[in-house]
Structures are given as C-alpha cells and as structure tokens.
C-alpha cells in the first residue's frame, strides 16, 4: 500500500515538474505581468505598430520604384502599343511628383 502511494507521489512530482518547465518555456509569468500592466502593454503594441507601419511604407516605396524603373525600361524598348501606354503612365506619375 505504501509502495503504491510512493509511486503515485513520484508520478505526481514528475508531472508537476513537467508543468513547471512548460510554464517556464512559455514565459507565462512575463505574460501575466504584462497583462497586469496595461500601460506597458499599450507601449509595446504602439512601438510594434510603428515598426510595422514603417516597414510597410519602406517596402511599398521600394516596390514602387522598381516598378517604375521596369516600366521605363519597357518604354525604351519601343514596343508599339505597350510603350505608348506606359509612357503616358510614367508621364502622369512624373507630373504628379512635380506638383508636390
């Protein structure tokens, strides 16, 4: 009887240790502290939103520049119908940029 009880206690201790290790890996205590501090949570979310927005803006600017460069290269190839359309498009973009 006593032996069974010792085995159960050992199994319970091992399971408790596993749960403790899993909680440490998940950083559960840090997450709970963060939830208890709404200003810190707001600050972290604000900074991450700024970084995300800046990344989107820079990425879009680079992508737009590459597209315009490709369109200019296509215009220089003098393809009959496409070149005229792209030339008009590039001219509109250039005029829009000058207007600012």
N, C-alpha and C. Protein backbone atom coordinates (compact mmCIF):
# COMPACT_ATOMS: atom_id res chain seq x y z
N UNK A 1 0.82 -1.19 0.00
CA UNK A 1 0.00 0.00 0.00
C UNK A 1 0.87 1.25 0.00
N UNK A 2 1.87 1.22 0.89
CA UNK A 2 2.77 2.37 1.00
C UNK A 2 3.56 2.55 -0.30
N UNK A 3 3.93 1.43 -0.93
CA UNK A 3 4.70 1.48 -2.16
C UNK A 3 3.90 2.13 -3.28
N UNK A 4 2.61 1.81 -3.36
CA UNK A 4 1.74 2.42 -4.37
C UNK A 4 1.63 3.93 -4.15
N UNK A 5 1.54 4.29 -2.87
CA UNK A 5 1.42 5.72 -2.55
C UNK A 5 2.70 6.47 -2.95
N UNK A 6 3.85 5.87 -2.72
CA UNK A 6 5.13 6.48 -3.11
C UNK A 6 5.23 6.62 -4.63
N UNK A 7 4.77 5.60 -5.34
CA UNK A 7 4.78 5.66 -6.81
C UNK A 7 3.89 6.79 -7.32
N UNK A 8 2.71 6.92 -6.70
CA UNK A 8 1.80 7.99 -7.09
C UNK A 8 2.40 9.37 -6.81
N UNK A 9 3.05 9.49 -5.65
CA UNK A 9 3.68 10.76 -5.31
C UNK A 9 4.82 11.09 -6.27
N UNK A 10 5.60 10.08 -6.62
CA UNK A 10 6.68 10.30 -7.58
C UNK A 10 6.13 10.70 -8.95
N UNK A 11 5.09 10.03 -9.38
CA UNK A 11 4.48 10.37 -10.66
C UNK A 11 3.92 11.78 -10.63
N UNK A 12 3.31 12.14 -9.50
CA UNK A 12 2.75 13.48 -9.35
C UNK A 12 3.85 14.54 -9.35
N UNK A 13 4.97 14.24 -8.70
CA UNK A 13 6.10 15.17 -8.68
C UNK A 13 6.69 15.35 -10.08
N UNK A 14 6.81 14.25 -10.81
CA UNK A 14 7.33 14.34 -12.18
C UNK A 14 6.40 15.17 -13.07
N UNK A 15 5.12 14.94 -12.92
CA UNK A 15 4.14 15.69 -13.73
C UNK A 15 4.17 17.18 -13.37
N UNK A 16 4.29 17.47 -12.09
CA UNK A 16 4.37 18.85 -11.62
C UNK A 16 5.63 19.53 -12.16
N UNK A 17 6.72 18.79 -12.19
CA UNK A 17 7.97 19.32 -12.75
C UNK A 17 7.83 19.60 -14.24
N UNK A 18 7.15 18.72 -14.97
CA UNK A 18 6.92 18.93 -16.40
C UNK A 18 6.07 20.18 -16.63
N UNK A 19 5.04 20.34 -15.83
CA UNK A 19 4.18 21.51 -15.95
C UNK A 19 4.97 22.78 -15.66
N UNK A 20 5.81 22.73 -14.65
CA UNK A 20 6.64 23.88 -14.29
C UNK A 20 7.59 24.24 -15.44
N UNK A 21 8.21 23.25 -16.03
CA UNK A 21 9.13 23.50 -17.15
C UNK A 21 8.39 24.07 -18.36
N UNK A 22 7.20 23.55 -18.63
CA UNK A 22 6.41 24.07 -19.75
C UNK A 22 6.02 25.52 -19.53
N UNK A 23 5.65 25.86 -18.29
CA UNK A 23 5.29 27.24 -17.98
C UNK A 23 6.49 28.16 -18.15
N UNK A 24 7.67 27.70 -17.76
CA UNK A 24 8.89 28.50 -17.93
C UNK A 24 9.19 28.71 -19.40
N UNK A 25 9.03 27.69 -20.22
CA UNK A 25 9.27 27.81 -21.65
C UNK A 25 8.29 28.77 -22.31
N UNK A 26 7.08 28.82 -21.83
CA UNK A 26 6.06 29.70 -22.41
C UNK A 26 6.19 31.13 -21.92
N UNK A 27 7.07 31.39 -20.96
CA UNK A 27 7.19 32.72 -20.35
C UNK A 27 5.84 33.19 -19.82
N UNK A 28 5.13 32.31 -19.19
CA UNK A 28 3.79 32.61 -18.70
C UNK A 28 3.81 33.71 -17.64
N UNK A 29 4.83 33.69 -16.80
CA UNK A 29 4.88 34.72 -15.76
C UNK A 29 5.09 36.11 -16.37
N UNK A 30 5.93 36.21 -17.40
CA UNK A 30 6.14 37.50 -18.07
C UNK A 30 4.85 37.97 -18.74
N UNK A 31 4.13 37.04 -19.33
CA UNK A 31 2.87 37.39 -19.99
C UNK A 31 1.85 37.89 -18.97
N UNK A 32 1.78 37.25 -17.83
CA UNK A 32 0.84 37.67 -16.79
C UNK A 32 1.22 39.05 -16.26
N UNK A 33 2.53 39.29 -16.05
CA UNK A 33 2.98 40.61 -15.62
C UNK A 33 2.63 41.68 -16.65
N UNK A 34 2.76 41.33 -17.91
CA UNK A 34 2.43 42.27 -18.98
C UNK A 34 0.94 42.59 -18.98
N UNK A 35 0.11 41.59 -18.76
CA UNK A 35 -1.33 41.83 -18.71
C UNK A 35 -1.73 42.65 -17.50
N UNK A 36 -0.96 42.57 -16.43
CA UNK A 36 -1.26 43.34 -15.23
C UNK A 36 -0.85 44.80 -15.37
N UNK A 37 -0.05 45.12 -16.38
CA UNK A 37 0.41 46.49 -16.60
C UNK A 37 -0.10 46.98 -17.95
N UNK A 38 -1.31 47.56 -18.00
CA UNK A 38 -1.89 47.95 -19.29
C UNK A 38 -1.08 49.04 -20.00
N UNK A 39 -0.41 49.92 -19.27
CA UNK A 39 0.38 50.97 -19.93
C UNK A 39 1.59 50.38 -20.66
N UNK A 40 2.20 49.39 -20.04
CA UNK A 40 3.34 48.74 -20.68
C UNK A 40 2.87 47.97 -21.92
N UNK A 41 1.74 47.31 -21.81
CA UNK A 41 1.17 46.59 -22.95
C UNK A 41 0.84 47.55 -24.08
N UNK A 42 0.26 48.70 -23.74
CA UNK A 42 -0.07 49.72 -24.73
C UNK A 42 1.20 50.24 -25.40
N UNK A 43 2.24 50.49 -24.62
CA UNK A 43 3.50 50.99 -25.15
C UNK A 43 4.12 49.98 -26.13
N UNK A 44 4.16 48.72 -25.74
CA UNK A 44 4.74 47.69 -26.60
C UNK A 44 3.95 47.56 -27.90
N UNK A 45 2.63 47.58 -27.81
CA UNK A 45 1.81 47.49 -29.02
C UNK A 45 1.97 48.72 -29.90
N UNK A 46 2.13 49.89 -29.30
CA UNK A 46 2.33 51.12 -30.06
C UNK A 46 3.65 51.06 -30.84
N UNK A 47 4.71 50.65 -30.16
CA UNK A 47 6.02 50.56 -30.81
C UNK A 47 5.99 49.52 -31.94
N UNK A 48 5.36 48.39 -31.69
CA UNK A 48 5.30 47.37 -32.74
C UNK A 48 4.46 47.85 -33.92
N UNK A 49 3.41 48.62 -33.66
CA UNK A 49 2.61 49.18 -34.75
C UNK A 49 3.40 50.18 -35.57
N UNK A 50 4.21 51.02 -34.89
CA UNK A 50 5.07 51.96 -35.63
C UNK A 50 6.06 51.23 -36.52
N UNK A 51 6.68 50.20 -35.97
CA UNK A 51 7.66 49.43 -36.75
C UNK A 51 7.00 48.76 -37.95
N UNK A 52 5.82 48.21 -37.74
CA UNK A 52 5.10 47.54 -38.82
C UNK A 52 4.73 48.55 -39.91
N UNK A 53 4.23 49.72 -39.50
CA UNK A 53 3.86 50.76 -40.46
C UNK A 53 5.05 51.28 -41.24
N UNK A 54 6.17 51.48 -40.55
CA UNK A 54 7.37 51.94 -41.23
C UNK A 54 7.86 50.90 -42.23
N UNK A 55 7.81 49.65 -41.86
CA UNK A 55 8.22 48.57 -42.77
C UNK A 55 7.34 48.51 -44.00
N UNK A 56 6.05 48.69 -43.83
CA UNK A 56 5.13 48.69 -44.97
C UNK A 56 5.43 49.86 -45.89
N UNK A 57 5.66 51.05 -45.31
CA UNK A 57 5.92 52.25 -46.11
C UNK A 57 7.22 52.11 -46.91
N UNK A 58 8.27 51.63 -46.25
CA UNK A 58 9.55 51.47 -46.94
C UNK A 58 9.44 50.41 -48.03
N UNK A 59 8.80 49.30 -47.71
CA UNK A 59 8.63 48.23 -48.70
C UNK A 59 7.83 48.69 -49.91
N UNK A 60 6.77 49.45 -49.67
CA UNK A 60 5.96 49.94 -50.78
C UNK A 60 6.74 50.93 -51.63
N UNK A 61 7.55 51.78 -51.00
CA UNK A 61 8.37 52.75 -51.74
C UNK A 61 9.37 52.04 -52.63
N UNK A 62 10.02 51.01 -52.09
CA UNK A 62 11.00 50.26 -52.89
C UNK A 62 10.31 49.53 -54.04
N UNK A 63 9.19 48.89 -53.75
CA UNK A 63 8.46 48.18 -54.79
C UNK A 63 7.97 49.13 -55.87
N UNK A 64 7.45 50.29 -55.48
CA UNK A 64 7.01 51.28 -56.46
C UNK A 64 8.15 51.77 -57.33
N UNK A 65 9.32 52.01 -56.74
CA UNK A 65 10.48 52.46 -57.52
C UNK A 65 10.91 51.40 -58.52
N UNK A 66 10.90 50.15 -58.11
CA UNK A 66 11.29 49.07 -59.02
C UNK A 66 10.30 48.96 -60.17
N UNK A 67 9.02 49.08 -59.88
CA UNK A 67 8.00 49.00 -60.94
C UNK A 67 8.18 50.15 -61.93
N UNK A 68 8.42 51.35 -61.43
CA UNK A 68 8.60 52.50 -62.34
C UNK A 68 9.86 52.31 -63.19
N UNK A 69 10.93 51.81 -62.59
CA UNK A 69 12.14 51.55 -63.37
C UNK A 69 11.88 50.52 -64.47
N UNK A 70 11.16 49.47 -64.13
CA UNK A 70 10.83 48.45 -65.14
C UNK A 70 9.97 49.04 -66.25
N UNK A 71 9.02 49.87 -65.89
CA UNK A 71 8.17 50.50 -66.90
C UNK A 71 9.00 51.40 -67.82
N UNK A 72 9.97 52.12 -67.27
CA UNK A 72 10.82 52.97 -68.10
C UNK A 72 11.66 52.14 -69.05
N UNK A 73 12.15 50.99 -68.60
CA UNK A 73 12.93 50.10 -69.47
C UNK A 73 12.06 49.57 -70.61
N UNK A 74 10.81 49.24 -70.31
CA UNK A 74 9.90 48.75 -71.35
C UNK A 74 9.63 49.84 -72.37
N UNK A 75 9.51 51.07 -71.92
CA UNK A 75 9.27 52.19 -72.85
C UNK A 75 10.45 52.33 -73.79
N UNK A 76 11.66 52.15 -73.29
CA UNK A 76 12.86 52.29 -74.13
C UNK A 76 12.95 51.20 -75.19
N UNK A 77 12.24 50.09 -75.00
CA UNK A 77 12.24 49.00 -75.98
C UNK A 77 11.39 49.35 -77.20
N UNK A 78 10.59 50.39 -77.10
CA UNK A 78 9.72 50.86 -78.19
C UNK A 78 8.75 49.79 -78.70
N UNK A 79 8.09 49.12 -77.80
CA UNK A 79 7.02 48.21 -78.20
C UNK A 79 5.82 49.08 -78.56
N UNK A 80 5.20 48.85 -79.70
CA UNK A 80 4.22 49.80 -80.25
C UNK A 80 3.10 50.21 -79.29
N UNK A 81 2.25 49.32 -78.89
CA UNK A 81 1.07 49.68 -78.11
C UNK A 81 1.41 49.85 -76.63
N UNK A 82 2.23 48.98 -76.11
CA UNK A 82 2.56 49.00 -74.69
C UNK A 82 3.39 50.23 -74.34
N UNK A 83 4.36 50.57 -75.18
CA UNK A 83 5.24 51.70 -74.88
C UNK A 83 4.48 53.01 -74.76
N UNK A 84 3.52 53.22 -75.63
CA UNK A 84 2.73 54.46 -75.58
C UNK A 84 1.93 54.54 -74.28
N UNK A 85 1.30 53.45 -73.91
CA UNK A 85 0.53 53.43 -72.66
C UNK A 85 1.42 53.67 -71.45
N UNK A 86 2.55 52.98 -71.41
CA UNK A 86 3.46 53.11 -70.27
C UNK A 86 4.07 54.50 -70.25
N UNK A 87 4.40 55.06 -71.41
CA UNK A 87 4.95 56.42 -71.47
C UNK A 87 3.96 57.41 -70.89
N UNK A 88 2.70 57.26 -71.22
CA UNK A 88 1.67 58.14 -70.65
C UNK A 88 1.57 57.97 -69.14
N UNK A 89 1.65 56.73 -68.69
CA UNK A 89 1.58 56.45 -67.26
C UNK A 89 2.76 57.06 -66.52
N UNK A 90 3.96 56.87 -67.04
CA UNK A 90 5.16 57.42 -66.41
C UNK A 90 5.10 58.95 -66.42
N UNK A 91 4.62 59.53 -67.49
CA UNK A 91 4.50 61.00 -67.56
C UNK A 91 3.51 61.51 -66.51
N UNK A 92 2.41 60.80 -66.33
CA UNK A 92 1.44 61.21 -65.30
C UNK A 92 2.06 61.14 -63.91
N UNK A 93 2.82 60.11 -63.66
CA UNK A 93 3.47 59.97 -62.34
C UNK A 93 4.48 61.09 -62.16
N UNK A 94 5.26 61.40 -63.21
CA UNK A 94 6.26 62.46 -63.12
C UNK A 94 5.59 63.80 -62.87
N UNK A 95 4.49 64.09 -63.57
CA UNK A 95 3.77 65.34 -63.36
C UNK A 95 3.19 65.42 -61.94
N UNK A 96 2.70 64.30 -61.45
CA UNK A 96 2.14 64.27 -60.09
C UNK A 96 3.22 64.54 -59.05
N UNK A 97 4.42 63.99 -59.27
CA UNK A 97 5.51 64.20 -58.34
C UNK A 97 6.00 65.66 -58.39
N UNK A 98 5.97 66.26 -59.57
CA UNK A 98 6.39 67.67 -59.70
C UNK A 98 5.38 68.61 -59.05
N UNK A 99 4.13 68.22 -59.05
CA UNK A 99 3.08 69.08 -58.49
C UNK A 99 3.20 69.21 -56.98
N UNK A 100 3.89 68.30 -56.35
CA UNK A 100 4.03 68.34 -54.90
C UNK A 100 5.12 69.23 -54.47
